[in-house]
């Protein structure tokens, strides 16, 4: 969990990680896809 200094969930940092693909959406309707980080 990403917490602030006061112990609350840091929504801004969670959002950054989610948008970067570091957090998996478990409620997504389509199956998970494995993406290679080496591609590029």
C-alpha atoms as a PDB file:
ATOM      1  CA  UNK A   1       0.000   0.000   0.000  1.00  0.00           C
ATOM      2  CA  UNK A   2       1.135   3.512  -0.716  1.00  0.00           C
ATOM      3  CA  UNK A   3       0.494   5.619   2.356  1.00  0.00           C
ATOM      4  CA  UNK A   4       0.880   9.291   3.176  1.00  0.00           C
ATOM      5  CA  UNK A   5       2.785  10.407   6.262  1.00  0.00           C
ATOM      6  CA  UNK A   6      -0.535  10.592   8.131  1.00  0.00           C
ATOM      7  CA  UNK A   7      -1.344   6.960   7.288  1.00  0.00           C
ATOM      8  CA  UNK A   8      -3.986   7.557   4.631  1.00  0.00           C
ATOM      9  CA  UNK A   9      -3.954   5.966   1.186  1.00  0.00           C
ATOM     10  CA  UNK A  10      -2.031   8.176  -1.240  1.00  0.00           C
ATOM     11  CA  UNK A  11      -4.536   8.332  -4.090  1.00  0.00           C
ATOM     12  CA  UNK A  12      -2.340  10.484  -6.327  1.00  0.00           C
ATOM     13  CA  UNK A  13       0.562   8.032  -6.159  1.00  0.00           C
ATOM     14  CA  UNK A  14      -1.752   5.025  -6.603  1.00  0.00           C
ATOM     15  CA  UNK A  15      -3.233   6.704  -9.692  1.00  0.00           C
ATOM     16  CA  UNK A  16       0.243   7.335 -11.130  1.00  0.00           C
ATOM     17  CA  UNK A  17       1.173   3.674 -10.646  1.00  0.00           C
ATOM     18  CA  UNK A  18      -2.144   2.473 -12.128  1.00  0.00           C
ATOM     19  CA  UNK A  19      -1.744   4.657 -15.218  1.00  0.00           C
ATOM     20  CA  UNK A  20       1.822   3.396 -15.612  1.00  0.00           C
ATOM     21  CA  UNK A  21       0.497  -0.174 -15.688  1.00  0.00           C
ATOM     22  CA  UNK A  22       2.020  -1.133 -12.351  1.00  0.00           C
ATOM     23  CA  UNK A  23      -1.362  -1.976 -10.792  1.00  0.00           C
ATOM     24  CA  UNK A  24      -3.680  -4.606 -12.259  1.00  0.00           C
ATOM     25  CA  UNK A  25      -7.408  -3.845 -12.427  1.00  0.00           C
ATOM     26  CA  UNK A  26      -8.984  -6.983 -10.967  1.00  0.00           C
ATOM     27  CA  UNK A  27     -12.450  -5.925 -12.128  1.00  0.00           C
ATOM     28  CA  UNK A  28     -11.478  -5.572 -15.790  1.00  0.00           C
ATOM     29  CA  UNK A  29     -13.890  -7.352 -18.121  1.00  0.00           C
ATOM     30  CA  UNK A  30     -11.195  -8.701 -20.421  1.00  0.00           C
ATOM     31  CA  UNK A  31      -8.623 -11.342 -19.392  1.00  0.00           C
ATOM     32  CA  UNK A  32      -5.169 -10.282 -18.267  1.00  0.00           C
ATOM     33  CA  UNK A  33      -2.541  -9.789 -20.941  1.00  0.00           C
ATOM     34  CA  UNK A  34       1.137 -10.385 -20.301  1.00  0.00           C
ATOM     35  CA  UNK A  35       3.134  -7.451 -21.601  1.00  0.00           C
ATOM     36  CA  UNK A  36       6.882  -7.605 -21.923  1.00  0.00           C
ATOM     37  CA  UNK A  37       8.694  -4.613 -20.420  1.00  0.00           C
ATOM     38  CA  UNK A  38      11.586  -5.252 -22.820  1.00  0.00           C
ATOM     39  CA  UNK A  39       9.526  -4.341 -25.884  1.00  0.00           C
ATOM     40  CA  UNK A  40      10.555  -1.002 -27.269  1.00  0.00           C
END
